[in-house]
C-alpha atoms as a PDB file:
ATOM      1  CA  MET A   1      40.809  75.755  95.755  1.00  0.00           C
ATOM      2  CA  TYR A   2      44.112  74.765  97.314  1.00  0.00           C
ATOM      3  CA  ASP A   3      43.870  72.269 100.168  1.00  0.00           C
ATOM      4  CA  PRO A   4      45.361  73.734 103.403  1.00  0.00           C
ATOM      5  CA  ALA A   5      46.741  70.305 104.365  1.00  0.00           C
ATOM      6  CA  GLN A   6      48.603  70.110 101.055  1.00  0.00           C
ATOM      7  CA  LEU A   7      49.898  73.662 101.502  1.00  0.00           C
ATOM      8  CA  ARG A   8      51.232  72.843 104.986  1.00  0.00           C
ATOM      9  CA  THR A   9      52.974  69.794 103.569  1.00  0.00           C
ATOM     10  CA  PHE A  10      54.407  71.884 100.742  1.00  0.00           C
ATOM     11  CA  LEU A  11      55.816  74.421 103.221  1.00  0.00           C
ATOM     12  CA  ALA A  12      57.341  71.671 105.356  1.00  0.00           C
ATOM     13  CA  VAL A  13      59.109  70.172 102.339  1.00  0.00           C
ATOM     14  CA  ALA A  14      60.237  73.623 101.147  1.00  0.00           C
ATOM     15  CA  GLN A  15      61.725  74.465 104.544  1.00  0.00           C
ATOM     16  CA  THR A  16      63.426  71.125 105.202  1.00  0.00           C
ATOM     17  CA  LEU A  17      64.224  70.328 101.535  1.00  0.00           C
ATOM     18  CA  SER A  18      63.459  66.757 102.493  1.00  0.00           C
ATOM     19  CA  PHE A  19      60.350  64.617 102.075  1.00  0.00           C
ATOM     20  CA  THR A  20      61.540  62.490 104.999  1.00  0.00           C
ATOM     21  CA  GLY A  21      62.109  65.545 107.187  1.00  0.00           C
ATOM     22  CA  ALA A  22      58.704  66.964 106.271  1.00  0.00           C
ATOM     23  CA  ALA A  23      57.025  63.663 107.117  1.00  0.00           C
ATOM     24  CA  ARG A  24      58.757  63.604 110.507  1.00  0.00           C
ATOM     25  CA  ARG A  25      57.763  67.210 111.231  1.00  0.00           C
ATOM     26  CA  LEU A  26      54.115  66.687 110.292  1.00  0.00           C
ATOM     27  CA  GLY A  27      53.717  63.205 111.747  1.00  0.00           C
ATOM     28  CA  LEU A  28      52.800  61.768 108.338  1.00  0.00           C
ATOM     29  CA  ARG A  29      54.019  58.895 106.239  1.00  0.00           C
ATOM     30  CA  GLN A  30      56.480  59.832 103.527  1.00  0.00           C
ATOM     31  CA  SER A  31      54.084  58.430 100.924  1.00  0.00           C
ATOM     32  CA  THR A  32      51.410  60.842 102.200  1.00  0.00           C
ATOM     33  CA  VAL A  33      53.819  63.773 101.895  1.00  0.00           C
ATOM     34  CA  SER A  34      54.614  62.764  98.305  1.00  0.00           C
ATOM     35  CA  GLN A  35      50.913  62.434  97.563  1.00  0.00           C
ATOM     36  CA  HIS A  36      50.135  65.901  98.965  1.00  0.00           C
ATOM     37  CA  VAL A  37      52.879  67.498  96.877  1.00  0.00           C
ATOM     38  CA  ARG A  38      51.785  65.630  93.753  1.00  0.00           C
ATOM     39  CA  ARG A  39      48.161  66.721  94.210  1.00  0.00           C
ATOM     40  CA  LEU A  40      49.190  70.329  94.769  1.00  0.00           C
ATOM     41  CA  GLU A  41      51.296  70.195  91.602  1.00  0.00           C
ATOM     42  CA  ASP A  42      48.280  68.764  89.772  1.00  0.00           C
ATOM     43  CA  ALA A  43      46.102  71.585  91.112  1.00  0.00           C
ATOM     44  CA  THR A  44      48.561  74.283  90.023  1.00  0.00           C
ATOM     45  CA  GLY A  45      49.543  72.593  86.801  1.00  0.00           C
ATOM     46  CA  ARG A  46      53.162  73.401  87.673  1.00  0.00           C
ATOM     47  CA  LEU A  47      56.200  71.511  88.935  1.00  0.00           C
ATOM     48  CA  LEU A  48      57.010  72.875  92.403  1.00  0.00           C
ATOM     49  CA  PHE A  49      60.089  70.788  93.225  1.00  0.00           C
ATOM     50  CA  THR A  50      62.902  69.161  91.331  1.00  0.00           C
ATOM     51  CA  ARG A  51      64.039  66.040  93.137  1.00  0.00           C
ATOM     52  CA  ASP A  52      66.319  63.098  92.697  1.00  0.00           C
ATOM     53  CA  THR A  53      67.747  60.478  95.036  1.00  0.00           C
ATOM     54  CA  HIS A  54      70.144  63.009  96.588  1.00  0.00           C
ATOM     55  CA  SER A  55      68.424  66.381  96.763  1.00  0.00           C
ATOM     56  CA  VAL A  56      65.181  68.360  96.715  1.00  0.00           C
ATOM     57  CA  GLU A  57      65.094  71.899  95.330  1.00  0.00           C
ATOM     58  CA  LEU A  58      62.330  74.427  94.733  1.00  0.00           C
ATOM     59  CA  THR A  59      61.565  75.369  91.156  1.00  0.00           C
ATOM     60  CA  GLU A  60      60.844  78.968  90.185  1.00  0.00           C
ATOM     61  CA  ASP A  61      57.125  78.205  90.471  1.00  0.00           C
ATOM     62  CA  GLY A  62      57.788  76.594  93.850  1.00  0.00           C
ATOM     63  CA  GLU A  63      59.461  79.777  95.056  1.00  0.00           C
ATOM     64  CA  ALA A  64      56.376  81.734  93.967  1.00  0.00           C
ATOM     65  CA  MET A  65      54.076  79.275  95.748  1.00  0.00           C
ATOM     66  CA  LEU A  66      55.917  79.883  99.053  1.00  0.00           C
ATOM     67  CA  GLY A  67      54.430  83.344  99.444  1.00  0.00           C
ATOM     68  CA  PHE A  68      50.971  82.291  98.296  1.00  0.00           C
ATOM     69  CA  ALA A  69      50.895  79.259 100.597  1.00  0.00           C
ATOM     70  CA  ARG A  70      51.956  81.287 103.597  1.00  0.00           C
ATOM     71  CA  ARG A  71      49.300  83.960 103.050  1.00  0.00           C
ATOM     72  CA  ILE A  72      46.552  81.415 102.364  1.00  0.00           C
ATOM     73  CA  LEU A  73      47.361  79.529 105.567  1.00  0.00           C
ATOM     74  CA  GLU A  74      47.534  82.737 107.615  1.00  0.00           C
ATOM     75  CA  VAL A  75      44.027  83.740 106.519  1.00  0.00           C
ATOM     76  CA  HIS A  76      42.809  80.188 107.064  1.00  0.00           C
ATOM     77  CA  GLU A  77      44.144  80.223 110.650  1.00  0.00           C
ATOM     78  CA  GLN A  78      42.570  83.622 111.320  1.00  0.00           C
ATOM     79  CA  ALA A  79      39.175  82.420 110.111  1.00  0.00           C
ATOM     80  CA  THR A  80      39.437  79.210 112.123  1.00  0.00           C
ATOM     81  CA  ALA A  81      40.319  81.105 115.317  1.00  0.00           C
ATOM     82  CA  PHE A  82      37.519  83.633 114.759  1.00  0.00           C
ATOM     83  CA  PHE A  83      34.715  81.143 114.182  1.00  0.00           C
ATOM     84  CA  SER A  84      35.886  78.563 116.704  1.00  0.00           C
ATOM     85  CA  GLY A  85      35.870  81.184 119.427  1.00  0.00           C
ATOM     86  CA  THR A  86      39.136  79.880 120.885  1.00  0.00           C
ATOM     87  CA  ARG A  87      41.458  82.456 122.384  1.00  0.00           C
ATOM     88  CA  VAL A  88      45.151  81.959 123.066  1.00  0.00           C
ATOM     89  CA  ARG A  89      46.223  84.020 126.045  1.00  0.00           C
ATOM     90  CA  GLY A  90      48.864  84.274 128.740  1.00  0.00           C
ATOM     91  CA  ARG A  91      52.547  85.090 129.085  1.00  0.00           C
ATOM     92  CA  LEU A  92      54.992  83.684 126.510  1.00  0.00           C
ATOM     93  CA  ARG A  93      58.755  84.020 126.945  1.00  0.00           C
ATOM     94  CA  PHE A  94      60.291  83.633 123.486  1.00  0.00           C
ATOM     95  CA  GLY A  95      63.999  83.547 122.738  1.00  0.00           C
ATOM     96  CA  ALA A  96      65.469  84.208 119.270  1.00  0.00           C
ATOM     97  CA  SER A  97      69.142  83.963 118.429  1.00  0.00           C
ATOM     98  CA  GLU A  98      71.216  86.891 117.189  1.00  0.00           C
ATOM     99  CA  ASP A  99      71.167  85.291 113.718  1.00  0.00           C
ATOM    100  CA  PHE A 100      67.665  86.651 113.140  1.00  0.00           C
ATOM    101  CA  VAL A 101      68.339  90.306 113.978  1.00  0.00           C
ATOM    102  CA  LEU A 102      68.454  91.312 110.299  1.00  0.00           C
ATOM    103  CA  THR A 103      65.768  88.943 108.984  1.00  0.00           C
ATOM    104  CA  ARG A 104      62.018  89.375 108.644  1.00  0.00           C
ATOM    105  CA  LEU A 105      61.258  87.702 111.974  1.00  0.00           C
ATOM    106  CA  PRO A 106      59.601  90.953 113.187  1.00  0.00           C
ATOM    107  CA  GLU A 107      56.955  90.492 110.463  1.00  0.00           C
ATOM    108  CA  ILE A 108      56.139  87.021 111.786  1.00  0.00           C
ATOM    109  CA  LEU A 109      55.956  88.317 115.364  1.00  0.00           C
ATOM    110  CA  GLU A 110      53.769  91.230 114.267  1.00  0.00           C
ATOM    111  CA  GLY A 111      51.355  88.810 112.581  1.00  0.00           C
ATOM    112  CA  PHE A 112      51.298  86.643 115.700  1.00  0.00           C
ATOM    113  CA  ARG A 113      50.509  89.653 117.912  1.00  0.00           C
ATOM    114  CA  TYR A 114      47.680  90.643 115.559  1.00  0.00           C
ATOM    115  CA  GLN A 115      46.159  87.159 115.629  1.00  0.00           C
ATOM    116  CA  HIS A 116      46.684  86.648 119.377  1.00  0.00           C
ATOM    117  CA  PRO A 117      46.361  90.053 121.066  1.00  0.00           C
ATOM    118  CA  GLU A 118      45.799  88.475 124.492  1.00  0.00           C
ATOM    119  CA  VAL A 119      49.257  86.887 124.556  1.00  0.00           C
ATOM    120  CA  ASP A 120      51.872  88.855 126.495  1.00  0.00           C
ATOM    121  CA  LEU A 121      54.937  88.165 124.365  1.00  0.00           C
ATOM    122  CA  GLU A 122      58.354  88.693 125.965  1.00  0.00           C
ATOM    123  CA  LEU A 123      61.266  88.561 123.498  1.00  0.00           C
ATOM    124  CA  THR A 124      64.851  87.702 124.431  1.00  0.00           C
ATOM    125  CA  VAL A 125      67.613  88.012 121.803  1.00  0.00           C
ATOM    126  CA  GLU A 126      70.794  86.143 122.714  1.00  0.00           C
ATOM    127  CA  LEU A 127      73.412  83.697 121.464  1.00  0.00           C
ATOM    128  CA  SER A 128      72.029  80.282 120.541  1.00  0.00           C
ATOM    129  CA  GLY A 129      74.042  78.540 123.248  1.00  0.00           C
ATOM    130  CA  THR A 130      72.825  80.988 125.889  1.00  0.00           C
ATOM    131  CA  LEU A 131      69.199  80.538 124.814  1.00  0.00           C
ATOM    132  CA  HIS A 132      69.456  76.760 125.134  1.00  0.00           C
ATOM    133  CA  GLU A 133      70.863  77.217 128.637  1.00  0.00           C
ATOM    134  CA  GLN A 134      68.046  79.595 129.623  1.00  0.00           C
ATOM    135  CA  LEU A 135      65.441  77.201 128.213  1.00  0.00           C
ATOM    136  CA  ALA A 136      66.887  74.327 130.258  1.00  0.00           C
ATOM    137  CA  ALA A 137      66.814  76.543 133.353  1.00  0.00           C
ATOM    138  CA  GLY A 138      63.100  77.277 132.848  1.00  0.00           C
ATOM    139  CA  LYS A 139      63.640  80.950 131.966  1.00  0.00           C
ATOM    140  CA  LEU A 140      62.143  80.650 128.450  1.00  0.00           C
ATOM    141  CA  ASP A 141      59.132  78.850 126.959  1.00  0.00           C
ATOM    142  CA  LEU A 142      60.163  78.661 123.284  1.00  0.00           C
ATOM    143  CA  VAL A 143      63.491  79.154 121.524  1.00  0.00           C
ATOM    144  CA  LEU A 144      64.370  79.716 117.858  1.00  0.00           C
ATOM    145  CA  ALA A 145      68.098  79.120 117.465  1.00  0.00           C
ATOM    146  CA  LYS A 146      70.900  77.047 115.999  1.00  0.00           C
ATOM    147  CA  ARG A 147      71.553  73.671 117.554  1.00  0.00           C
ATOM    148  CA  ARG A 148      74.841  71.919 118.019  1.00  0.00           C
ATOM    149  CA  PRO A 149      75.785  69.061 115.652  1.00  0.00           C
ATOM    150  CA  GLN A 150      74.313  65.709 116.714  1.00  0.00           C
ATOM    151  CA  ASP A 151      71.907  67.456 119.111  1.00  0.00           C
ATOM    152  CA  PRO A 152      68.527  65.721 118.573  1.00  0.00           C
ATOM    153  CA  ARG A 153      66.451  68.340 120.361  1.00  0.00           C
ATOM    154  CA  GLY A 154      64.163  70.709 118.517  1.00  0.00           C
ATOM    155  CA  GLU A 155      61.949  70.870 115.462  1.00  0.00           C
ATOM    156  CA  PRO A 156      63.891  71.899 112.326  1.00  0.00           C
ATOM    157  CA  VAL A 157      62.813  75.172 110.732  1.00  0.00           C
ATOM    158  CA  TRP A 158      65.414  74.862 108.000  1.00  0.00           C
ATOM    159  CA  HIS A 159      68.840  73.402 107.268  1.00  0.00           C
ATOM    160  CA  ASP A 160      71.701  75.531 106.040  1.00  0.00           C
ATOM    161  CA  ARG A 161      75.448  75.429 105.486  1.00  0.00           C
ATOM    162  CA  LEU A 162      77.973  77.496 107.392  1.00  0.00           C
ATOM    163  CA  VAL A 163      80.397  79.491 105.251  1.00  0.00           C
ATOM    164  CA  TRP A 164      83.264  81.905 105.817  1.00  0.00           C
ATOM    165  CA  ILE A 165      82.390  85.536 105.094  1.00  0.00           C
ATOM    166  CA  GLY A 166      84.257  88.824 105.160  1.00  0.00           C
ATOM    167  CA  ALA A 167      84.749  92.144 103.382  1.00  0.00           C
ATOM    168  CA  GLU A 168      85.074  91.928  99.617  1.00  0.00           C
ATOM    169  CA  ARG A 169      88.559  93.475  99.668  1.00  0.00           C
ATOM    170  CA  LEU A 170      89.852  91.271 102.475  1.00  0.00           C
ATOM    171  CA  ARG A 171      92.915  89.196 101.595  1.00  0.00           C
ATOM    172  CA  LEU A 172      94.178  86.508 103.958  1.00  0.00           C
ATOM    173  CA  ASP A 173      97.914  85.949 104.300  1.00  0.00           C
ATOM    174  CA  PRO A 174      98.470  82.162 104.208  1.00  0.00           C
ATOM    175  CA  ASP A 175     101.610  82.550 106.348  1.00  0.00           C
ATOM    176  CA  ARG A 176      99.814  84.293 109.212  1.00  0.00           C
ATOM    177  CA  PRO A 177      97.094  83.117 111.653  1.00  0.00           C
ATOM    178  CA  VAL A 178      93.520  83.485 110.399  1.00  0.00           C
ATOM    179  CA  PRO A 179      91.951  86.614 111.991  1.00  0.00           C
ATOM    180  CA  LEU A 180      88.606  85.536 113.435  1.00  0.00           C
ATOM    181  CA  ILE A 181      85.512  87.591 114.229  1.00  0.00           C
ATOM    182  CA  VAL A 182      83.446  85.583 116.706  1.00  0.00           C
ATOM    183  CA  TYR A 183      80.693  85.559 119.276  1.00  0.00           C
ATOM    184  CA  PRO A 184      81.810  84.975 122.877  1.00  0.00           C
ATOM    185  CA  PRO A 185      81.277  81.564 124.506  1.00  0.00           C
ATOM    186  CA  PRO A 186      79.006  79.629 124.338  1.00  0.00           C
ATOM    187  CA  GLY A 187      78.571  80.680 120.695  1.00  0.00           C
ATOM    188  CA  ILE A 188      77.927  77.665 118.456  1.00  0.00           C
ATOM    189  CA  THR A 189      79.520  79.127 115.306  1.00  0.00           C
ATOM    190  CA  ARG A 190      82.553  80.132 117.404  1.00  0.00           C
ATOM    191  CA  ALA A 191      83.102  76.528 118.486  1.00  0.00           C
ATOM    192  CA  LEU A 192      82.557  75.166 114.969  1.00  0.00           C
ATOM    193  CA  ALA A 193      85.058  77.652 113.494  1.00  0.00           C
ATOM    194  CA  PHE A 194      87.704  76.696 116.071  1.00  0.00           C
ATOM    195  CA  GLU A 195      87.128  72.972 115.492  1.00  0.00           C
ATOM    196  CA  ALA A 196      87.357  73.296 111.691  1.00  0.00           C
ATOM    197  CA  LEU A 197      90.621  75.253 111.818  1.00  0.00           C
ATOM    198  CA  GLN A 198      92.061  72.880 114.399  1.00  0.00           C
ATOM    199  CA  ARG A 199      91.276  69.862 112.189  1.00  0.00           C
ATOM    200  CA  GLN A 200      93.055  71.586 109.315  1.00  0.00           C
ATOM    201  CA  GLY A 201      96.016  72.436 111.519  1.00  0.00           C
ATOM    202  CA  ARG A 202      95.729  76.111 110.653  1.00  0.00           C
ATOM    203  CA  PRO A 203      96.548  78.696 113.335  1.00  0.00           C
ATOM    204  CA  TRP A 204      94.142  81.521 114.147  1.00  0.00           C
ATOM    205  CA  ARG A 205      93.817  84.580 116.348  1.00  0.00           C
ATOM    206  CA  ILE A 206      90.800  86.456 117.704  1.00  0.00           C
ATOM    207  CA  ALA A 207      90.451  89.790 115.904  1.00  0.00           C
ATOM    208  CA  CYS A 208      87.069  90.740 117.377  1.00  0.00           C
ATOM    209  CA  THR A 209      84.614  89.356 119.929  1.00  0.00           C
ATOM    210  CA  SER A 210      81.080  90.698 120.226  1.00  0.00           C
ATOM    211  CA  GLY A 211      77.780  89.366 121.536  1.00  0.00           C
ATOM    212  CA  SER A 212      75.971  91.529 118.982  1.00  0.00           C
ATOM    213  CA  LEU A 213      75.564  90.549 115.338  1.00  0.00           C
ATOM    214  CA  ASN A 214      75.778  94.217 114.378  1.00  0.00           C
ATOM    215  CA  GLY A 215      79.136  94.425 116.185  1.00  0.00           C
ATOM    216  CA  LEU A 216      80.469  91.421 114.273  1.00  0.00           C
ATOM    217  CA  ILE A 217      79.227  92.838 110.979  1.00  0.00           C
ATOM    218  CA  ALA A 218      80.899  96.199 111.651  1.00  0.00           C
ATOM    219  CA  ALA A 219      84.214  94.459 112.350  1.00  0.00           C
ATOM    220  CA  ALA A 220      83.907  92.304 109.225  1.00  0.00           C
ATOM    221  CA  ARG A 221      83.041  95.283 107.015  1.00  0.00           C
ATOM    222  CA  ALA A 222      86.117  97.052 108.393  1.00  0.00           C
ATOM    223  CA  GLY A 223      88.244  94.164 107.135  1.00  0.00           C
ATOM    224  CA  LEU A 224      89.369  92.982 110.574  1.00  0.00           C
ATOM    225  CA  GLY A 225      88.909  89.321 109.721  1.00  0.00           C
ATOM    226  CA  VAL A 226      86.520  86.538 108.731  1.00  0.00           C
ATOM    227  CA  MET A 227      83.528  85.010 110.478  1.00  0.00           C
ATOM    228  CA  ALA A 228      81.584  81.749 110.230  1.00  0.00           C
ATOM    229  CA  HIS A 229      77.996  82.456 109.233  1.00  0.00           C
ATOM    230  CA  SER A 230      74.888  80.846 107.799  1.00  0.00           C
ATOM    231  CA  ARG A 231      74.942  80.871 103.989  1.00  0.00           C
ATOM    232  CA  GLY A 232      71.297  81.938 103.856  1.00  0.00           C
ATOM    233  CA  LEU A 233      71.775  84.898 106.224  1.00  0.00           C
ATOM    234  CA  ILE A 234      74.841  86.686 104.784  1.00  0.00           C
ATOM    235  CA  PRO A 235      74.487  90.379 105.746  1.00  0.00           C
ATOM    236  CA  PRO A 236      74.657  93.149 103.124  1.00  0.00           C
ATOM    237  CA  GLY A 237      78.172  94.412 102.505  1.00  0.00           C
ATOM    238  CA  LEU A 238      79.813  91.049 103.170  1.00  0.00           C
ATOM    239  CA  VAL A 239      80.652  88.187 100.789  1.00  0.00           C
ATOM    240  CA  ARG A 240      81.752  84.579 100.969  1.00  0.00           C
ATOM    241  CA  VAL A 241      85.492  84.129 101.289  1.00  0.00           C
ATOM    242  CA  PRO A 242      86.802  82.589  98.025  1.00  0.00           C
ATOM    243  CA  GLU A 243      87.864  78.938  98.075  1.00  0.00           C
ATOM    244  CA  ARG A 244      91.391  79.946  97.059  1.00  0.00           C
ATOM    245  CA  ALA A 245      91.851  81.287 100.595  1.00  0.00           C
ATOM    246  CA  GLY A 246      92.071  77.658 101.672  1.00  0.00           C
ATOM    247  CA  LEU A 247      89.787  77.887 104.701  1.00  0.00           C
ATOM    248  CA  PRO A 248      88.291  74.577 105.881  1.00  0.00           C
ATOM    249  CA  GLU A 249      84.696  73.455 105.365  1.00  0.00           C
ATOM    250  CA  LEU A 250      82.469  74.356 108.295  1.00  0.00           C
ATOM    251  CA  GLY A 251      79.671  71.867 107.673  1.00  0.00           C
ATOM    252  CA  LYS A 252      75.927  72.206 108.041  1.00  0.00           C
ATOM    253  CA  VAL A 253      73.802  73.844 110.685  1.00  0.00           C
ATOM    254  CA  ASP A 254      70.187  73.373 111.759  1.00  0.00           C
ATOM    255  CA  PHE A 255      67.906  76.171 112.911  1.00  0.00           C
ATOM    256  CA  VAL A 256      65.300  74.705 115.229  1.00  0.00           C
ATOM    257  CA  LEU A 257      62.389  75.484 117.502  1.00  0.00           C
ATOM    258  CA  VAL A 258      62.718  74.027 120.994  1.00  0.00           C
ATOM    259  CA  HIS A 259      59.876  74.027 123.520  1.00  0.00           C
ATOM    260  CA  GLY A 260      60.347  74.428 127.239  1.00  0.00           C
ATOM    261  CA  ARG A 261      58.626  72.057 129.633  1.00  0.00           C
ATOM    262  CA  HIS A 262      58.591  74.103 132.835  1.00  0.00           C
ATOM    263  CA  ARG A 263      55.365  76.104 132.326  1.00  0.00           C
ATOM    264  CA  PRO A 264      52.398  74.094 130.974  1.00  0.00           C
ATOM    265  CA  SER A 265      50.335  77.302 131.059  1.00  0.00           C
ATOM    266  CA  ALA A 266      52.439  78.677 128.176  1.00  0.00           C
ATOM    267  CA  GLN A 267      52.043  75.624 125.947  1.00  0.00           C
ATOM    268  CA  HIS A 268      49.107  76.859 123.844  1.00  0.00           C
ATOM    269  CA  ALA A 269      50.764  80.215 123.155  1.00  0.00           C
ATOM    270  CA  ALA A 270      54.091  78.528 122.386  1.00  0.00           C
ATOM    271  CA  ASP A 271      52.396  76.094 120.008  1.00  0.00           C
ATOM    272  CA  ALA A 272      50.659  78.968 118.215  1.00  0.00           C
ATOM    273  CA  LEU A 273      53.899  80.939 117.774  1.00  0.00           C
ATOM    274  CA  ALA A 274      55.786  77.826 116.669  1.00  0.00           C
ATOM    275  CA  LYS A 275      53.101  77.206 114.050  1.00  0.00           C
ATOM    276  CA  ALA A 276      53.409  80.795 112.787  1.00  0.00           C
ATOM    277  CA  ILE A 277      57.199  80.507 112.525  1.00  0.00           C
ATOM    278  CA  LEU A 278      57.043  77.154 110.711  1.00  0.00           C
ATOM    279  CA  SER A 279      54.428  78.513 108.291  1.00  0.00           C
ATOM    280  CA  GLY A 280      56.511  81.596 107.511  1.00  0.00           C
ATOM    281  CA  GLY A 281      59.956  80.058 107.925  1.00  0.00           C
ATOM    282  CA  GLU A 282      61.118  80.989 104.437  1.00  0.00           C
ATOM    283  CA  ARG A 283      60.947  84.671 105.423  1.00  0.00           C
ATOM    284  CA  LEU A 284      63.676  84.092 107.995  1.00  0.00           C
ATOM    285  CA  HIS A 285      66.321  83.395 105.371  1.00  0.00           C
ATOM    286  CA  ARG A 286      64.960  85.273 102.351  1.00  0.00           C
ATOM    287  CA  ARG A 287      65.123  89.063 102.372  1.00  0.00           C
END
C-alpha cells in the first residue's frame, strides 16, 4: 500500500522540483518531505528522484509514478468525499490563462465536475495579467496563471523557463529588428520579451499581436517572427530558436494558483479545484 500523504509529498516535489518548495506548499518541515520521499522510494524499491545540492530531477521511474500517484489520490479523494458525506457546492468563477488552451487542463476540470457535480463552474480564459486584475477586482475566485517576477502571491504549480520559439525554417537577420509575435498588454511574456531585448540593446518590431494563443501560433507557424513561450508548453509545429540567433535569455517563469478573497462562500469550491490542479499539475505541461 502506498501512503497517500507520501504520494502528495511526492507530487509536490515533482511539480516544484524542490524539496524546500514542496515543504512550503504542504506546510511541512523539509526533513519530513525528505522522509516521505525516502519511504516511498523504499516502498517501490526504486529511485524516484536524482538530486544534488543544485537540482532535483525525476528519474524514469519517477515519471511513471506521477501517473500512478495522481490516479491513486483521485480515487482516495472520491472515497473520502463519498463516505464523509460532505458536499462541495456553489458558484466558482475560475480563470485560466491562455497558456493552458492546448494542455490537458480540460481533463482536470472534467474530473472536478464529476467529483463535485453541485459546483457551478464558470471558466474565464484570458491573459495572465488580465486575470490577476480581475481577481483583484473581485470578479474571479481562483486563477491559474503566470505571475510576474518577484511577485510573491500565489501557490506555485510548477516552475519553468521562458524560451524563444518560432517556425523551424525561420531565419533571423542580425542586421534587422527582431520580429516579435506577442500578446497585447498586460501580457507578462510580452513585457519580459521587451525587457530582455532592451537589456541586450537589440532593436525589435511587432510583427503580430493577438489575445489568442491560437492566433499567435498561426503567425509563428507562418514564419512572421518569434515569440517568448514556456519551455514546457511549446506548441506542435514550432521549435526553440537556436542559440546562434543570439537572442537574449528570458529567465524563469512561475505558474501559480491565486485565491480571491472577496467571496468566502466560494472558498470550499476553490480549495477543492486548487487541490485537483495541484494533484494533476504534471498534466498541464506534459502532453
